[in-house]
Protein backbone atom coordinates (compact mmCIF):
# COMPACT_ATOMS: atom_id res chain seq x y z
CA UNK A 1 -21.97 -0.93 -9.75
CA UNK A 2 -19.62 1.33 -11.43
CA UNK A 3 -18.24 2.26 -7.53
CA UNK A 4 -18.30 -1.21 -6.09
CA UNK A 5 -15.90 -1.74 -8.56
CA UNK A 6 -13.93 0.97 -8.40
CA UNK A 7 -13.77 -0.09 -4.50
CA UNK A 8 -13.35 -2.96 -5.37
CA UNK A 9 -10.51 -2.64 -8.22
CA UNK A 10 -8.40 0.80 -7.88
CA UNK A 11 -5.07 1.04 -6.03
CA UNK A 12 -6.26 3.86 -3.68
CA UNK A 13 -3.75 5.00 -1.15
CA UNK A 14 -5.65 7.84 1.24
CA UNK A 15 -4.05 10.26 3.54
CA UNK A 16 -2.84 8.12 6.64
CA UNK A 17 -4.25 10.24 9.20
CA UNK A 18 -8.32 9.62 7.80
CA UNK A 19 -8.58 6.24 9.66
CA UNK A 20 -6.43 7.52 12.96
CA UNK A 21 -8.28 7.16 16.20
CA UNK A 22 -7.39 9.47 19.03
CA UNK A 23 -5.70 6.67 20.62
CA UNK A 24 -3.03 5.90 17.53
CA UNK A 25 -2.69 9.99 17.10
CA UNK A 26 -1.71 10.16 20.81
CA UNK A 27 1.19 6.98 20.29
CA UNK A 28 2.07 8.59 16.55
CA UNK A 29 2.87 11.83 18.38
CA UNK A 30 4.68 10.25 21.22
CA UNK A 31 6.41 8.19 18.98
CA UNK A 32 7.64 11.74 16.90
CA UNK A 33 8.57 13.41 20.49
CA UNK A 34 11.34 11.11 21.24
CA UNK A 35 12.54 11.02 17.61
CA UNK A 36 12.78 14.36 17.22
CA UNK A 37 14.86 14.30 21.42
CA UNK A 38 17.05 11.75 20.08
CA UNK A 39 17.46 13.86 16.73
CA UNK A 40 18.38 16.81 18.33
CA UNK A 41 21.49 14.93 20.64
CA UNK A 42 22.46 13.24 17.06
CA UNK A 43 22.97 15.65 14.32
CA UNK A 44 26.42 13.62 13.42
CA UNK A 45 27.42 9.81 12.59
CA UNK A 46 29.62 9.84 15.80
CA UNK A 47 27.33 11.38 17.71
CA UNK A 48 24.46 8.97 16.50
CA UNK A 49 26.07 5.73 16.98
CA UNK A 50 27.34 7.00 20.43
CA UNK A 51 23.74 7.40 21.75
CA UNK A 52 22.75 4.31 19.57
CA UNK A 53 24.91 2.26 21.51
CA UNK A 54 24.02 3.48 24.74
CA UNK A 55 20.44 2.79 24.07
CA UNK A 56 21.13 -0.67 22.83
CA UNK A 57 23.66 -0.93 26.19
CA UNK A 58 20.05 -0.39 27.42
CA UNK A 59 17.60 -2.98 26.05
CA UNK A 60 20.03 -5.94 26.89
CA UNK A 61 22.63 -5.78 23.77
CA UNK A 62 26.22 -6.31 23.95
CA UNK A 63 29.53 -6.06 22.28
CA UNK A 64 30.18 -9.07 20.03
CA UNK A 65 33.59 -9.46 21.16
CA UNK A 66 32.45 -10.51 24.93
CA UNK A 67 30.78 -13.33 23.51
CA UNK A 68 33.01 -16.70 22.58
CA UNK A 69 29.61 -18.36 21.24
CA UNK A 70 26.04 -17.42 20.27
CA UNK A 71 22.51 -18.65 20.87
CA UNK A 72 19.21 -17.92 19.19
CA UNK A 73 18.17 -14.89 21.66
CA UNK A 74 21.43 -13.19 22.41
CA UNK A 75 21.66 -9.02 21.44
CA UNK A 76 24.82 -8.31 19.97
CA UNK A 77 26.36 -5.23 18.39
CA UNK A 78 29.82 -3.98 16.58
CA UNK A 79 31.10 -0.69 16.72
CA UNK A 80 32.87 -0.11 13.73
CA UNK A 81 35.25 3.12 14.56
CA UNK A 82 32.48 4.91 16.36
CA UNK A 83 31.20 6.05 12.61
CA UNK A 84 29.24 2.82 12.00
CA UNK A 85 27.44 0.37 14.05
CA UNK A 86 25.90 -3.51 13.43
CA UNK A 87 23.40 -5.00 15.50
CA UNK A 88 21.96 -8.47 15.61
CA UNK A 89 19.73 -10.33 17.42
CA UNK A 90 20.27 -14.20 16.66
CA UNK A 91 17.13 -16.28 15.61
CA UNK A 92 15.61 -19.41 15.95
CA UNK A 93 15.26 -20.63 12.30
CA UNK A 94 19.22 -22.19 10.81
CA UNK A 95 20.94 -19.35 10.42
CA UNK A 96 21.34 -21.15 6.56
CA UNK A 97 18.25 -19.57 5.77
CA UNK A 98 19.07 -16.25 5.43
CA UNK A 99 18.91 -12.96 7.49
CA UNK A 100 16.41 -10.40 7.49
CA UNK A 101 18.36 -7.11 7.59
CA UNK A 102 17.07 -3.53 7.75
CA UNK A 103 19.72 -1.37 6.30
CA UNK A 104 19.92 2.52 6.72
CA UNK A 105 22.50 5.40 6.98
CA UNK A 106 23.62 7.72 9.54
CA UNK A 107 25.76 10.31 7.50
CA UNK A 108 24.25 13.57 6.47
CA UNK A 109 25.14 16.54 4.04
CA UNK A 110 26.97 19.20 5.67
CA UNK A 111 30.35 20.46 5.69
CA UNK A 112 33.39 19.28 6.76
CA UNK A 113 36.27 21.84 7.74
CA UNK A 114 39.10 21.06 5.22
CA UNK A 115 42.64 19.98 7.36
CA UNK A 116 44.56 23.83 6.99
CA UNK A 117 41.03 25.50 7.89
CA UNK A 118 41.79 28.80 10.19
CA UNK A 119 42.76 31.95 8.12
CA UNK A 120 42.18 36.16 8.78
CA UNK A 121 41.48 38.27 6.87
CA UNK A 122 40.94 42.00 7.27
CA UNK A 123 41.09 41.33 10.74
CA UNK A 124 38.16 38.68 10.72
CA UNK A 125 38.89 34.86 11.45
CA UNK A 126 37.57 32.00 9.37
CA UNK A 127 37.07 28.54 9.11
CA UNK A 128 37.68 26.56 5.30
CA UNK A 129 35.20 24.01 4.46
CA UNK A 130 34.71 21.58 1.79
CA UNK A 131 30.90 20.86 1.62
CA UNK A 132 30.16 16.54 2.24
CA UNK A 133 27.00 15.18 0.15
CA UNK A 134 25.25 16.63 -2.39
CA UNK A 135 24.34 20.38 -1.29
CA UNK A 136 22.68 23.50 -2.70
CA UNK A 137 25.51 26.17 -1.56
CA UNK A 138 23.22 28.90 -2.01
CA UNK A 139 21.28 26.82 1.45
CA UNK A 140 23.61 27.33 3.51
CA UNK A 141 24.74 30.91 4.01
CA UNK A 142 23.10 33.20 6.84
CA UNK A 143 21.70 30.25 8.95
CA UNK A 144 23.16 29.86 12.36
CA UNK A 145 25.64 26.76 12.01
CA UNK A 146 27.00 24.77 15.42
CA UNK A 147 30.57 22.72 15.55
CA UNK A 148 30.39 19.10 15.92
CA UNK A 149 33.43 16.57 16.06
CA UNK A 150 36.39 15.43 17.43
CA UNK A 151 40.38 16.33 17.24
CA UNK A 152 42.82 13.79 18.21
CA UNK A 153 46.62 14.40 19.14
CA UNK A 154 49.22 12.99 18.28
CA UNK A 155 49.59 11.24 21.89
CA UNK A 156 46.10 9.84 21.42
CA UNK A 157 44.12 11.98 23.44
CA UNK A 158 40.87 12.35 22.28
CA UNK A 159 38.43 15.76 22.38
CA UNK A 160 34.84 16.09 21.58
CA UNK A 161 33.89 19.06 20.66
CA UNK A 162 30.10 20.86 20.60
CA UNK A 163 29.75 24.31 19.86
CA UNK A 164 26.35 25.86 19.20
CA UNK A 165 23.43 23.83 20.77
CA UNK A 166 23.53 25.04 23.66
CA UNK A 167 21.14 28.25 24.12
CA UNK A 168 24.22 29.78 26.32
CA UNK A 169 27.02 28.83 23.42
CA UNK A 170 27.76 31.30 20.39
CA UNK A 171 26.82 30.05 17.09
CA UNK A 172 28.42 30.57 14.15
CA UNK A 173 27.07 31.20 9.95
CA UNK A 174 28.23 32.08 6.59
CA UNK A 175 27.53 35.17 4.91
CA UNK A 176 26.07 36.01 1.76
CA UNK A 177 26.23 39.19 -0.32
CA UNK A 178 23.58 41.91 0.36
CA UNK A 179 21.14 42.46 -2.71
CA UNK A 180 21.90 46.12 -3.33
CA UNK A 181 25.03 44.80 -4.31
CA UNK A 182 24.84 41.57 -5.62
CA UNK A 183 24.12 42.09 -9.32
CA UNK A 184 26.72 40.15 -10.81
CA UNK A 185 25.69 36.98 -8.27
CA UNK A 186 22.16 37.20 -9.06
CA UNK A 187 22.84 36.74 -13.14
CA UNK A 188 24.82 33.62 -12.11
CA UNK A 189 22.71 30.16 -12.44
CA UNK A 190 21.17 29.51 -9.11
CA UNK A 191 24.08 26.72 -8.61
CA UNK A 192 27.03 28.76 -9.34
CA UNK A 193 25.33 31.56 -7.01
CA UNK A 194 28.12 30.58 -4.12
CA UNK A 195 31.10 28.86 -5.47
CA UNK A 196 32.60 26.02 -2.72
CA UNK A 197 35.55 27.85 -1.92
CA UNK A 198 33.41 30.59 -0.25
CA UNK A 199 31.41 28.26 2.06
CA UNK A 200 33.71 30.02 4.86
CA UNK A 201 32.92 29.82 8.33
CA UNK A 202 32.68 33.07 10.39
CA UNK A 203 33.98 32.15 13.89
CA UNK A 204 35.66 35.72 15.73
CA UNK A 205 36.82 39.58 15.36
CA UNK A 206 38.88 40.53 18.55
CA UNK A 207 42.41 40.67 18.04
CA UNK A 208 44.65 39.07 20.46
CA UNK A 209 46.49 42.68 20.79
CA UNK A 210 46.60 45.89 18.70
CA UNK A 211 49.41 45.32 16.82
CA UNK A 212 50.97 42.49 14.64
CA UNK A 213 50.02 40.23 12.64
CA UNK A 214 46.95 37.57 12.16
CA UNK A 215 45.88 38.95 15.95
CA UNK A 216 42.20 37.90 15.17
CA UNK A 217 43.52 34.40 14.41
CA UNK A 218 45.91 33.91 17.45
CA UNK A 219 42.80 35.45 19.90
CA UNK A 220 40.67 32.51 18.45
CA UNK A 221 43.89 29.81 19.11
CA UNK A 222 44.07 31.26 22.15
CA UNK A 223 40.78 30.24 23.12
CA UNK A 224 41.20 26.63 21.36
CA UNK A 225 44.26 26.64 23.43
CA UNK A 226 42.51 27.55 26.87
CA UNK A 227 39.70 25.61 26.42
CA UNK A 228 41.02 22.31 24.26
CA UNK A 229 44.40 22.50 25.44
CA UNK A 230 44.78 22.11 21.22
CA UNK A 231 47.20 24.02 19.23
CA UNK A 232 46.85 24.99 14.80
CA UNK A 233 48.41 21.96 13.96
CA UNK A 234 45.91 20.05 15.92
CA UNK A 235 43.27 21.01 13.74
CA UNK A 236 45.02 18.41 10.96
CA UNK A 237 43.73 15.77 12.31
CA UNK A 238 40.53 16.30 13.25
CA UNK A 239 36.67 15.48 11.91
CA UNK A 240 35.25 18.75 12.44
CA UNK A 241 31.34 19.01 10.99
CA UNK A 242 29.29 22.59 10.63
CA UNK A 243 25.78 21.48 11.00
CA UNK A 244 22.41 23.60 11.48
CA UNK A 245 22.01 25.06 15.14
CA UNK A 246 18.17 24.74 15.31
CA UNK A 247 16.42 22.03 16.69
CA UNK A 248 14.30 19.53 15.55
CA UNK A 249 10.50 20.59 16.01
CA UNK A 250 6.71 19.97 15.06
CA UNK A 251 5.94 22.09 11.79
CA UNK A 252 2.27 22.67 10.96
CA UNK A 253 -0.67 24.27 12.83
CA UNK A 254 -1.79 20.69 13.55
CA UNK A 255 1.89 19.38 14.25
CA UNK A 256 1.47 16.75 11.72
CA UNK A 257 4.87 17.23 10.72
CA UNK A 258 8.91 17.11 11.56
CA UNK A 259 10.76 19.79 10.52
CA UNK A 260 14.78 19.14 11.25
CA UNK A 261 18.29 19.21 10.17
CA UNK A 262 19.14 15.58 8.58
CA UNK A 263 16.42 13.24 8.64
CA UNK A 264 18.00 11.76 5.40
CA UNK A 265 18.23 9.64 6.62
CA UNK A 266 18.28 9.54 10.76
CA UNK A 267 14.19 9.35 10.30
CA UNK A 268 15.31 5.03 9.06
CA UNK A 269 17.70 4.93 11.40
CA UNK A 270 15.93 5.88 14.42
CA UNK A 271 12.93 4.21 13.39
CA UNK A 272 14.94 0.58 12.62
CA UNK A 273 16.35 1.04 15.51
CA UNK A 274 14.29 1.84 18.22
CA UNK A 275 12.10 -1.35 16.80
CA UNK A 276 14.96 -3.54 17.10
CA UNK A 277 15.07 -2.46 20.31
CA UNK A 278 11.82 -3.60 21.27
CA UNK A 279 12.53 -7.48 19.65
CA UNK A 280 12.36 -10.40 21.53
CA UNK A 281 12.49 -13.79 20.02
CA UNK A 282 12.92 -13.57 16.20
CA UNK A 283 12.34 -16.63 13.40
CA UNK A 284 15.34 -14.98 11.44
CA UNK A 285 18.26 -13.31 12.65
CA UNK A 286 17.59 -9.61 12.71
CA UNK A 287 20.45 -7.17 11.40
CA UNK A 288 20.17 -3.44 12.15
CA UNK A 289 22.83 -1.37 9.80
CA UNK A 290 23.82 1.79 10.34
CA UNK A 291 26.31 2.77 8.39
CA UNK A 292 28.29 5.55 7.42
CA UNK A 293 29.44 7.96 4.05
CA UNK A 294 26.65 6.84 1.66
CA UNK A 295 25.68 10.81 0.94
CA UNK A 296 29.87 10.05 -0.80
CA UNK A 297 29.20 6.67 -2.47
CA UNK A 298 29.47 4.58 0.62
CA UNK A 299 33.61 3.99 0.15
CA UNK A 300 35.73 3.97 3.00
CA UNK A 301 35.97 1.80 6.05
CA UNK A 302 32.93 2.82 7.42
CA UNK A 303 30.78 2.58 4.76
CA UNK A 304 28.96 -0.65 3.04
CA UNK A 305 31.40 -0.80 0.10
CA UNK A 306 33.73 -2.22 3.15
CA UNK A 307 34.48 -5.73 4.06
CA UNK A 308 33.04 -4.29 7.59
CA UNK A 309 29.53 -5.63 7.94
CA UNK A 310 31.22 -8.90 5.99
CA UNK A 311 33.53 -9.21 8.89
CA UNK A 312 30.38 -9.20 11.63
CA UNK A 313 28.34 -11.64 10.42
CA UNK A 314 31.13 -13.91 10.26
CA UNK A 315 31.69 -13.51 13.70
CA UNK A 316 28.28 -14.23 14.21
CA UNK A 317 28.98 -17.54 12.22
CA UNK A 318 32.01 -18.22 14.15
CA UNK A 319 30.50 -17.54 17.69
CA UNK A 320 27.13 -20.08 16.38
CA UNK A 321 30.22 -22.50 15.25
CA UNK A 322 28.59 -23.57 11.92
CA UNK A 323 30.75 -21.54 10.27
CA UNK A 324 32.82 -23.11 7.01
CA UNK A 325 34.06 -22.27 3.29
CA UNK A 326 31.19 -19.83 1.22
CA UNK A 327 28.61 -20.36 4.61
CA UNK A 328 28.77 -16.26 4.74
CA UNK A 329 28.36 -16.10 0.56
CA UNK A 330 25.25 -18.82 1.12
CA UNK A 331 23.71 -16.68 3.86
CA UNK A 332 23.97 -13.55 2.24
CA UNK A 333 21.67 -15.59 -0.97
CA UNK A 334 19.09 -16.69 0.92
CA UNK A 335 18.72 -13.55 2.77
CA UNK A 336 16.00 -10.45 2.76
CA UNK A 337 16.40 -7.02 2.89
CA UNK A 338 15.09 -3.67 3.68
CA UNK A 339 17.37 -0.45 2.29
CA UNK A 340 15.72 1.87 4.40
CA UNK A 341 16.59 5.39 2.98
CA UNK A 342 14.33 8.35 2.62
CA UNK A 343 12.14 8.88 -0.67
CA UNK A 344 11.63 11.97 -2.85
CA UNK A 345 7.66 13.80 -1.49
CA UNK A 346 5.53 15.03 -3.36
CA UNK A 347 5.74 19.10 -3.32
CA UNK A 348 2.89 20.68 -5.41
CA UNK A 349 5.13 23.31 -5.59
CA UNK A 350 7.60 21.70 -7.81
CA UNK A 351 5.09 19.07 -9.10
CA UNK A 352 6.70 19.24 -12.91
CA UNK A 353 9.65 16.95 -11.52
CA UNK A 354 7.41 14.24 -10.38
CA UNK A 355 4.87 11.69 -12.23
CA UNK A 356 2.30 11.91 -9.91
CA UNK A 357 0.97 8.13 -10.22
CA UNK A 358 4.30 7.18 -9.28
CA UNK A 359 5.46 10.00 -6.17
CA UNK A 360 5.39 9.06 -2.34
CA UNK A 361 3.51 11.72 -0.65
CA UNK A 362 3.44 12.40 2.86
CA UNK A 363 0.48 11.29 5.28
CA UNK A 364 0.23 8.09 3.61
CA UNK A 365 2.93 5.83 4.86
CA UNK A 366 5.93 4.06 3.88
CA UNK A 367 7.21 4.67 0.24
CA UNK A 368 8.60 1.66 -1.41
CA UNK A 369 11.11 2.09 -4.23
CA UNK A 370 11.66 -0.83 -6.36
CA UNK A 371 14.47 0.66 -8.17
CA UNK A 372 16.51 4.05 -7.88
CA UNK A 373 19.26 4.59 -9.75
CA UNK A 374 19.24 7.94 -12.61
CA UNK A 375 18.05 7.73 -15.66
CA UNK A 376 17.77 4.53 -17.29
CA UNK A 377 17.92 2.69 -13.95
CA UNK A 378 21.89 3.02 -14.02
CA UNK A 379 23.51 2.09 -11.05
CA UNK A 380 20.32 0.72 -9.41
CA UNK A 381 19.21 -2.19 -7.65
CA UNK A 382 15.99 -2.95 -9.21
CA UNK A 383 14.12 -5.50 -6.60
CA UNK A 384 12.24 -8.48 -8.31
CA UNK A 385 8.37 -9.58 -8.42
CA UNK A 386 8.23 -12.05 -6.09
CA UNK A 387 10.12 -9.84 -3.67
CA UNK A 388 7.50 -7.15 -3.83
CA UNK A 389 4.96 -9.02 -3.15
CA UNK A 390 6.18 -10.50 -0.45
CA UNK A 391 6.93 -7.02 1.17
CA UNK A 392 3.60 -5.97 0.20
CA UNK A 393 2.10 -9.06 2.14
CA UNK A 394 3.95 -8.17 5.30
CA UNK A 395 2.58 -4.94 5.35
CA UNK A 396 -0.93 -5.96 4.66
CA UNK A 397 -1.48 -8.19 6.69
CA UNK A 398 -0.29 -5.66 9.63
CA UNK A 399 -2.54 -3.35 8.71
CA UNK A 400 0.64 -0.73 7.50
CA UNK A 401 0.03 1.88 5.04
CA UNK A 402 2.27 1.41 2.58
CA UNK A 403 2.64 3.66 -1.32
CA UNK A 404 5.10 2.55 -4.17
CA UNK A 405 6.45 5.13 -6.08
CA UNK A 406 9.76 6.46 -8.00
CA UNK A 407 12.23 8.97 -7.37
CA UNK A 408 11.04 11.34 -10.15
CA UNK A 409 10.06 11.13 -13.61
CA UNK A 410 12.38 9.30 -15.92
CA UNK A 411 14.88 11.33 -17.19
CA UNK A 412 15.06 13.66 -14.19
CA UNK A 413 14.88 12.11 -11.37
CA UNK A 414 17.26 8.80 -9.31
CA UNK A 415 19.11 8.76 -6.82
CA UNK A 416 21.51 6.05 -4.41
CA UNK A 417 21.44 3.63 -1.54
CA UNK A 418 23.09 1.14 0.08
CA UNK A 419 20.23 -1.68 -1.45
CA UNK A 420 22.98 -2.64 -4.29
CA UNK A 421 25.46 -3.28 -2.69
CA UNK A 422 23.56 -6.10 -0.14
CA UNK A 423 21.77 -6.71 -3.58
CA UNK A 424 25.42 -7.84 -5.42
CA UNK A 425 26.27 -10.11 -2.42
CA UNK A 426 22.86 -12.44 -3.57
CA UNK A 427 19.69 -10.82 -1.13
CA UNK A 428 16.67 -10.16 -1.92
CA UNK A 429 16.24 -6.04 -1.65
CA UNK A 430 13.81 -3.01 -1.97
CA UNK A 431 14.10 0.52 -1.32
CA UNK A 432 12.20 1.11 2.30
CA UNK A 433 11.73 4.67 3.84
CA UNK A 434 10.43 7.71 4.23
CA UNK A 435 8.85 10.53 2.12
CA UNK A 436 10.83 13.77 2.81
CA UNK A 437 10.01 17.03 1.32
CA UNK A 438 13.38 19.44 0.84
CA UNK A 439 15.57 16.61 1.27
CA UNK A 440 19.28 17.52 1.79
CA UNK A 441 18.36 20.86 2.83
CA UNK A 442 20.12 22.10 6.23
CA UNK A 443 15.54 21.91 7.39
CA UNK A 444 13.99 18.82 5.95
CA UNK A 445 10.80 17.89 6.58
CA UNK A 446 8.57 14.24 7.38
CA UNK A 447 5.42 13.04 8.38
CA UNK A 448 5.03 11.87 11.80
CA UNK A 449 2.10 9.38 10.75
CA UNK A 450 5.03 8.34 8.17
CA UNK A 451 7.68 8.04 10.91
CA UNK A 452 5.22 5.28 12.84
CA UNK A 453 4.65 3.82 10.18
CA UNK A 454 8.38 3.49 9.06
CA UNK A 455 8.61 1.72 12.54
CA UNK A 456 5.56 -0.34 12.35
CA UNK A 457 7.43 -1.67 9.33
CA UNK A 458 10.26 -2.91 10.47
CA UNK A 459 8.91 -4.41 13.71
CA UNK A 460 6.61 -6.26 11.42
CA UNK A 461 9.33 -7.07 9.01
CA UNK A 462 11.80 -8.62 11.84
CA UNK A 463 8.51 -10.37 12.98
CA UNK A 464 8.21 -12.09 10.28
């Protein structure tokens, strides 16, 4: 009797793999392979947007600036300074009834070069860096790093570089003290073990000539000049990022997980992008956001705090020939959004920081965060009960595994997403993403089951 009642009343979130048959498992693994392939060639926000645009072009999307008017079924996008992108499929429903928005970000924690990065010390050449986003600095030493980015000359010429990803390329690293000499370092607090100013990338040691000052630096500049036609001054107008050189790979003897750099938040960006590529006829106009700068507060003209997204929606209203004063505000107020950002996966090794009954677990499906924020929900977008129920209904009627969680214990956890930005415009928003282990580390871990669940979730949301 009690077992029947338990089955009826308890909210049991089981391991999703238990209900996966061989055919479904094959689909999950094939989808994860496509994800890993994309992750390996899109490690930076510029690279992600470049490949997203190529994928959109192949699937019938066009730049919105090519249209004079729009109609239901049209597929459009807008690329903002090569670092963020917005896509839309025009729906059959009157746009005044709101949009269905899924928004993720494509920037990830990394190391950026300083404006004047190159220097020599004791006949070794280095690049100075400034870390981007929330990192544990010690994790970025003694690992293989690659150089990605764009150099822009004063004549407007752009040069894209990527060194360290090809097997024939050299790689780079940041050195650390050997334990024999690290007594003082080992006494420091973990967060102070490596100083930000010491995250300097080792890039060379051969002098140009036997005598003279800064000959190793000169040799490095000569190599860069011969290969890219640049001088030291050109390094001041660059966006060059240092990211882990290792590839995304299947993890575990059962290959059930993905290990890779930048899964926060490219796992949600890829799953939403790939889901949109398969949409045809939608009721509510479907919007996919691939934003930049989330890891440093979403500021700047490629971040969600800018007016560029409003501009994109205004262009849609203009080209639907329905725009009028305050219509943009009305559209946002009747819109629904999934803020597709990752959740902190429960790690049994570090169980003390999580409330086990309110944590997101790997392998149990998409994770809904009603709110994020820090401590007293500070800075959070807190989804209302009606909208949480609406999202649950979409998931349950499409038989999609999900869990409702929060990011760590009270007074311990917290985090930020772009949810509050669209919520402030009046839309209903909830965070909805993939649980991740080792978040913000050079190598993050996700479950292939959860990745596929995210893809199904986003597709179901847009088809609602």
